[in-house]
N, C-alpha and C. Protein backbone atom coordinates (compact mmCIF):
# COMPACT_ATOMS: atom_id res chain seq x y z
N MET A 1 109.95 104.93 115.20
CA MET A 1 109.03 103.91 114.73
C MET A 1 107.66 104.56 114.53
N ASN A 2 107.07 104.34 113.34
CA ASN A 2 105.77 104.96 113.07
C ASN A 2 104.63 104.15 113.69
N LEU A 3 103.44 104.71 113.68
CA LEU A 3 102.28 104.09 114.30
C LEU A 3 101.97 102.73 113.69
N TRP A 4 102.05 102.60 112.37
CA TRP A 4 101.74 101.32 111.72
C TRP A 4 102.73 100.24 112.17
N GLU A 5 103.99 100.56 112.27
CA GLU A 5 104.98 99.58 112.74
C GLU A 5 104.66 99.14 114.16
N ARG A 6 104.24 100.06 115.00
CA ARG A 6 103.89 99.72 116.38
C ARG A 6 102.66 98.82 116.42
N ILE A 7 101.69 99.09 115.55
CA ILE A 7 100.49 98.26 115.48
C ILE A 7 100.85 96.86 115.00
N LEU A 8 101.70 96.77 113.98
CA LEU A 8 102.09 95.47 113.46
C LEU A 8 102.80 94.62 114.51
N ILE A 9 103.63 95.24 115.32
CA ILE A 9 104.31 94.50 116.40
C ILE A 9 103.28 93.90 117.35
N ALA A 10 102.27 94.69 117.70
CA ALA A 10 101.23 94.19 118.60
C ALA A 10 100.38 93.11 117.95
N LEU A 11 100.03 93.28 116.67
CA LEU A 11 99.21 92.29 115.97
C LEU A 11 99.93 90.94 115.85
N ARG A 12 101.21 91.00 115.63
CA ARG A 12 102.00 89.77 115.44
C ARG A 12 101.83 88.81 116.62
N VAL A 13 101.63 89.35 117.82
CA VAL A 13 101.45 88.52 119.02
C VAL A 13 100.11 87.78 118.98
N HIS A 14 99.09 88.39 118.36
CA HIS A 14 97.72 87.86 118.42
C HIS A 14 97.27 87.16 117.14
N VAL A 15 98.03 87.26 116.09
CA VAL A 15 97.63 86.69 114.80
C VAL A 15 98.57 85.55 114.46
N ALA A 16 98.01 84.43 113.99
CA ALA A 16 98.84 83.30 113.58
C ALA A 16 99.88 83.76 112.56
N GLU A 17 101.08 83.19 112.64
CA GLU A 17 102.20 83.62 111.79
C GLU A 17 101.85 83.58 110.31
N GLU A 18 101.23 82.51 109.85
CA GLU A 18 100.86 82.39 108.43
C GLU A 18 99.84 83.47 108.04
N ASP A 19 98.87 83.71 108.89
CA ASP A 19 97.88 84.76 108.61
C ASP A 19 98.53 86.13 108.62
N PHE A 20 99.42 86.37 109.56
CA PHE A 20 100.12 87.65 109.61
C PHE A 20 100.91 87.87 108.32
N ARG A 21 101.63 86.84 107.90
CA ARG A 21 102.42 86.95 106.67
C ARG A 21 101.50 87.22 105.47
N ARG A 22 100.42 86.48 105.38
CA ARG A 22 99.51 86.60 104.24
C ARG A 22 98.88 87.98 104.16
N TRP A 23 98.40 88.51 105.28
CA TRP A 23 97.60 89.73 105.23
C TRP A 23 98.39 91.01 105.53
N PHE A 24 99.49 90.93 106.25
CA PHE A 24 100.16 92.16 106.68
C PHE A 24 101.57 92.36 106.14
N SER A 25 102.23 91.31 105.65
CA SER A 25 103.64 91.45 105.27
C SER A 25 103.86 92.43 104.11
N ALA A 26 102.90 92.58 103.23
CA ALA A 26 103.07 93.47 102.08
C ALA A 26 102.45 94.85 102.30
N THR A 27 101.99 95.12 103.52
CA THR A 27 101.45 96.45 103.80
C THR A 27 102.59 97.42 104.05
N ALA A 28 102.32 98.70 103.87
CA ALA A 28 103.37 99.70 104.08
C ALA A 28 102.75 100.99 104.60
N TYR A 29 103.42 101.58 105.55
CA TYR A 29 103.04 102.89 106.08
C TYR A 29 103.07 103.91 104.96
N ALA A 30 102.02 104.72 104.85
CA ALA A 30 101.99 105.79 103.86
C ALA A 30 102.10 107.15 104.55
N SER A 31 101.22 107.41 105.54
CA SER A 31 101.27 108.70 106.23
C SER A 31 100.45 108.65 107.52
N ASP A 32 100.69 109.64 108.35
CA ASP A 32 99.96 109.78 109.61
C ASP A 32 99.75 111.27 109.84
N SER A 33 98.50 111.70 109.66
CA SER A 33 98.20 113.12 109.81
C SER A 33 97.77 113.47 111.23
N GLY A 34 97.78 112.49 112.11
CA GLY A 34 97.33 112.72 113.48
C GLY A 34 95.94 112.17 113.69
N ASP A 35 95.02 112.52 112.80
CA ASP A 35 93.66 111.98 112.91
C ASP A 35 93.40 110.86 111.91
N GLN A 36 94.36 110.60 111.01
CA GLN A 36 94.20 109.53 110.03
C GLN A 36 95.54 108.86 109.75
N LEU A 37 95.54 107.53 109.89
CA LEU A 37 96.69 106.72 109.55
C LEU A 37 96.41 106.08 108.19
N THR A 38 97.27 106.32 107.22
CA THR A 38 97.09 105.77 105.88
C THR A 38 98.13 104.68 105.65
N VAL A 39 97.63 103.53 105.17
CA VAL A 39 98.48 102.36 104.95
C VAL A 39 98.23 101.84 103.54
N TRP A 40 99.32 101.55 102.81
CA TRP A 40 99.23 100.94 101.49
C TRP A 40 99.06 99.44 101.65
N VAL A 41 98.16 98.84 100.89
CA VAL A 41 98.01 97.39 100.81
C VAL A 41 98.07 97.00 99.34
N PRO A 42 98.54 95.80 99.01
CA PRO A 42 98.79 95.47 97.61
C PRO A 42 97.55 95.27 96.75
N THR A 43 96.46 94.80 97.32
CA THR A 43 95.27 94.52 96.49
C THR A 43 94.00 94.93 97.23
N GLU A 44 92.94 95.06 96.47
CA GLU A 44 91.63 95.36 97.05
C GLU A 44 91.15 94.19 97.92
N ALA A 45 91.44 92.96 97.53
CA ALA A 45 91.04 91.79 98.31
C ALA A 45 91.70 91.81 99.69
N ILE A 46 92.97 92.15 99.75
CA ILE A 46 93.66 92.23 101.03
C ILE A 46 93.10 93.40 101.84
N ARG A 47 92.83 94.52 101.20
CA ARG A 47 92.24 95.67 101.90
C ARG A 47 90.92 95.27 102.56
N ARG A 48 90.06 94.60 101.79
CA ARG A 48 88.76 94.17 102.33
C ARG A 48 88.94 93.19 103.48
N HIS A 49 89.84 92.24 103.32
CA HIS A 49 90.05 91.23 104.36
C HIS A 49 90.52 91.87 105.66
N ILE A 50 91.48 92.76 105.58
CA ILE A 50 91.96 93.44 106.79
C ILE A 50 90.83 94.25 107.42
N ALA A 51 90.06 94.96 106.60
CA ALA A 51 88.97 95.79 107.12
C ALA A 51 87.91 94.93 107.82
N VAL A 52 87.57 93.80 107.25
CA VAL A 52 86.52 92.95 107.82
C VAL A 52 87.02 92.19 109.06
N HIS A 53 88.21 91.63 108.97
CA HIS A 53 88.67 90.71 110.01
C HIS A 53 89.58 91.32 111.08
N TYR A 54 90.22 92.43 110.79
CA TYR A 54 91.22 92.95 111.72
C TYR A 54 91.01 94.40 112.14
N GLU A 55 90.05 95.09 111.55
CA GLU A 55 89.91 96.51 111.85
C GLU A 55 89.64 96.78 113.33
N LEU A 56 88.80 95.99 113.96
CA LEU A 56 88.52 96.21 115.38
C LEU A 56 89.77 95.98 116.22
N MET A 57 90.55 94.97 115.90
CA MET A 57 91.79 94.71 116.61
C MET A 57 92.76 95.89 116.43
N ILE A 58 92.82 96.42 115.22
CA ILE A 58 93.70 97.56 114.94
C ILE A 58 93.22 98.80 115.69
N GLU A 59 91.91 99.03 115.71
CA GLU A 59 91.36 100.18 116.43
C GLU A 59 91.64 100.07 117.93
N ARG A 60 91.53 98.86 118.49
CA ARG A 60 91.84 98.67 119.92
C ARG A 60 93.31 98.98 120.19
N GLU A 61 94.17 98.56 119.28
CA GLU A 61 95.59 98.82 119.47
C GLU A 61 95.89 100.32 119.36
N MET A 62 95.22 101.01 118.44
CA MET A 62 95.41 102.46 118.35
C MET A 62 94.96 103.13 119.65
N ALA A 63 93.85 102.68 120.21
CA ALA A 63 93.38 103.24 121.48
C ALA A 63 94.39 102.98 122.59
N ARG A 64 94.96 101.78 122.62
CA ARG A 64 95.98 101.44 123.63
C ARG A 64 97.20 102.35 123.49
N LEU A 65 97.50 102.75 122.26
CA LEU A 65 98.63 103.63 121.99
C LEU A 65 98.24 105.11 122.09
N GLU A 66 97.08 105.38 122.69
CA GLU A 66 96.55 106.73 122.88
C GLU A 66 96.29 107.46 121.57
N ARG A 67 95.83 106.69 120.58
CA ARG A 67 95.45 107.24 119.28
C ARG A 67 94.04 106.80 118.92
N GLY A 68 93.16 106.71 119.93
CA GLY A 68 91.81 106.22 119.76
C GLY A 68 90.96 106.99 118.76
N GLY A 69 91.25 108.25 118.54
CA GLY A 69 90.47 109.03 117.59
C GLY A 69 91.00 108.96 116.16
N THR A 70 92.03 108.18 115.95
CA THR A 70 92.66 108.08 114.63
C THR A 70 91.89 107.11 113.74
N THR A 71 91.61 107.51 112.53
CA THR A 71 90.94 106.66 111.54
C THR A 71 91.97 105.93 110.72
N LEU A 72 91.72 104.64 110.47
CA LEU A 72 92.59 103.85 109.61
C LEU A 72 92.08 103.94 108.18
N ARG A 73 92.98 104.30 107.28
CA ARG A 73 92.64 104.38 105.85
C ARG A 73 93.56 103.41 105.11
N LEU A 74 92.97 102.35 104.55
CA LEU A 74 93.72 101.37 103.78
C LEU A 74 93.53 101.66 102.31
N ILE A 75 94.63 101.79 101.57
CA ILE A 75 94.56 102.09 100.15
C ILE A 75 95.20 100.97 99.36
N ALA A 76 94.42 100.36 98.47
CA ALA A 76 94.94 99.29 97.62
C ALA A 76 95.76 99.90 96.48
N THR A 77 96.99 99.45 96.36
CA THR A 77 97.88 99.97 95.33
C THR A 77 97.70 99.26 94.00
N GLY A 78 97.13 98.05 94.05
CA GLY A 78 96.94 97.28 92.83
C GLY A 78 98.19 96.57 92.36
N VAL A 79 99.23 96.57 93.19
CA VAL A 79 100.48 95.91 92.84
C VAL A 79 100.68 94.71 93.75
N ASP A 80 100.78 93.52 93.15
CA ASP A 80 101.00 92.30 93.93
C ASP A 80 101.77 91.31 93.08
N ASP A 81 102.91 90.87 93.53
CA ASP A 81 103.74 89.94 92.78
C ASP A 81 103.05 88.62 92.50
N ASP A 82 102.08 88.22 93.33
CA ASP A 82 101.41 86.94 93.18
C ASP A 82 100.30 86.95 92.13
N GLU A 83 100.05 88.08 91.49
CA GLU A 83 98.93 88.18 90.57
C GLU A 83 99.32 88.10 89.11
N ASP A 84 100.42 87.47 88.78
CA ASP A 84 100.84 87.35 87.38
C ASP A 84 100.03 86.34 86.62
């Protein structure tokens, strides 16, 4: 199980189900270089929302998982089925 999957499991406990589905269900693990965790997100709006509202929670979870020095990098792919 990669770091992002472990973070998502922890977030699911603290985030309302509808909010979790809206903001995290379309995210995907991209890479983990040790000092940087890269995650794909479908749109820039979702990237911004996660960064503003959940980044501290994600950083706390990384610290709990002994990855406190790891930087989260969210990359918007620009692909979202809801944007037709």
